[in-house]
Amino acid sequence: KEIILTEGEYDAMAVSQATGRPAVSLPNGCRSLPVQVLPLLERFEKIYLWMDNDGPGQEGAEKFAKKLGLNRCYIVQCLEAKDANEALLKGIDMDQVLETAALVPHDR
């Protein structure tokens, strides 16, 4: 089972529309992963973290991966777009972007 976490609602809708995969947005953007959300994510074996392509978004993704489990969190990076919604608008193959997602290196 897999799920994609995004920074905003429009990003989650874009991922779901383009890929057919389940996607949800974080309630408070890239700065917060509420403790109440953690039990809801326990059942997923693979969690994609598709945060915005900026400093805070990438820092948040690494922080969330450490909270959720480094062995099951994949960081999505799409250098051609600032976020998933922009990737959809630009016609980027979002399934391909997800296939290139990688685990956080353990030395961080």
Protein backbone atom coordinates (compact mmCIF):
# COMPACT_ATOMS: atom_id res chain seq x y z
CA LYS A 1 0.00 0.00 0.00
CA GLU A 2 1.26 3.44 -0.89
CA ILE A 3 0.23 7.04 -0.44
CA ILE A 4 1.57 10.38 -1.62
CA LEU A 5 1.77 13.29 0.83
CA THR A 6 1.87 16.79 -0.64
CA GLU A 7 2.23 20.25 0.79
CA GLY A 8 -1.08 21.64 -0.50
CA GLU A 9 -4.56 20.50 -1.46
CA TYR A 10 -4.17 21.42 -5.13
CA ASP A 11 -0.96 19.40 -5.27
CA ALA A 12 -2.73 16.34 -3.86
CA MET A 13 -5.56 16.71 -6.37
CA ALA A 14 -3.04 17.11 -9.20
CA VAL A 15 -1.18 13.91 -8.25
CA SER A 16 -4.40 11.95 -7.90
CA GLN A 17 -5.75 13.26 -11.21
CA ALA A 18 -2.55 12.58 -13.14
CA THR A 19 -1.61 9.20 -11.65
CA GLY A 20 -4.75 7.68 -10.16
CA ARG A 21 -2.78 7.08 -6.96
CA PRO A 22 -4.05 8.07 -3.50
CA ALA A 23 -2.73 11.46 -2.41
CA VAL A 24 -3.44 13.71 0.56
CA SER A 25 -2.12 17.08 1.61
CA LEU A 26 -0.64 17.96 4.95
CA PRO A 27 -3.03 20.13 6.97
CA ASN A 28 -0.47 22.87 7.68
CA GLY A 29 1.94 22.74 4.76
CA CYS A 30 5.57 21.68 4.94
CA ARG A 31 6.19 22.88 8.48
CA SER A 32 3.96 20.53 10.41
CA LEU A 33 3.06 16.85 10.56
CA PRO A 34 0.45 16.70 13.35
CA VAL A 35 0.87 13.79 15.74
CA GLN A 36 -2.82 12.88 15.17
CA VAL A 37 -1.97 12.04 11.54
CA LEU A 38 0.75 9.49 12.39
CA PRO A 39 -1.57 6.56 13.26
CA LEU A 40 -3.45 7.10 9.97
CA LEU A 41 -0.22 6.58 8.03
CA GLU A 42 0.92 3.42 9.86
CA ARG A 43 -0.76 1.07 7.38
CA PHE A 44 1.21 2.34 4.39
CA GLU A 45 4.33 0.47 3.33
CA LYS A 46 5.50 3.21 0.96
CA ILE A 47 5.02 6.93 1.55
CA TYR A 48 5.98 9.41 -1.14
CA LEU A 49 6.74 12.90 0.16
CA TRP A 50 6.10 15.37 -2.67
CA MET A 51 6.79 18.71 -1.03
CA ASP A 52 7.42 21.96 -2.87
CA ASN A 53 10.70 22.24 -4.71
CA ASP A 54 12.19 24.85 -2.37
CA GLY A 55 14.33 24.87 0.76
CA PRO A 56 11.51 24.63 3.32
CA GLY A 57 9.71 21.94 1.32
CA GLN A 58 12.77 19.73 0.97
CA GLU A 59 13.76 20.23 4.62
CA GLY A 60 10.22 19.34 5.67
CA ALA A 61 10.29 16.18 3.54
CA GLU A 62 13.48 14.97 5.23
CA LYS A 63 12.10 15.79 8.67
CA PHE A 64 8.83 13.93 7.96
CA ALA A 65 10.74 10.93 6.58
CA LYS A 66 12.62 10.65 9.88
CA LYS A 67 9.32 10.82 11.77
CA LEU A 68 7.49 8.32 9.54
CA GLY A 69 10.36 5.90 8.95
CA LEU A 70 13.35 6.35 6.66
CA ASN A 71 12.90 2.86 5.22
CA ARG A 72 9.47 3.60 3.73
CA CYS A 73 9.56 7.29 2.80
CA TYR A 74 10.56 8.33 -0.70
CA ILE A 75 11.42 11.94 -1.45
CA VAL A 76 9.97 13.15 -4.74
CA GLN A 77 11.99 15.73 -6.63
CA CYS A 78 10.69 17.36 -9.79
CA LEU A 79 13.21 19.99 -10.79
CA GLU A 80 11.07 21.22 -13.70
CA ALA A 81 8.22 22.44 -11.45
CA LYS A 82 7.85 24.13 -8.08
CA ASP A 83 5.16 21.68 -6.94
CA ALA A 84 2.90 18.86 -8.11
CA ASN A 85 0.18 21.20 -9.36
CA GLU A 86 2.66 23.04 -11.59
CA ALA A 87 3.96 19.67 -12.83
CA LEU A 88 0.42 18.78 -13.91
CA LEU A 89 -0.07 22.14 -15.64
CA LYS A 90 3.23 21.70 -17.50
CA GLY A 91 2.23 18.23 -18.69
CA ILE A 92 5.07 16.49 -16.86
CA ASP A 93 4.74 12.69 -16.58
CA MET A 94 4.05 12.47 -12.86
CA ASP A 95 4.23 8.67 -12.78
CA GLN A 96 7.77 8.96 -14.11
CA VAL A 97 8.60 11.57 -11.44
CA LEU A 98 7.32 9.20 -8.74
CA GLU A 99 9.41 6.34 -10.17
CA THR A 100 12.56 8.42 -9.62
CA ALA A 101 11.76 9.17 -5.95
CA ALA A 102 14.46 8.02 -3.56
CA LEU A 103 14.90 7.14 0.08
CA VAL A 104 16.58 9.77 2.27
CA PRO A 105 20.28 8.90 2.62
CA HIS A 106 20.85 7.56 6.15
CA ASP A 107 23.85 9.85 6.70
CA ARG A 108 21.66 12.95 6.95
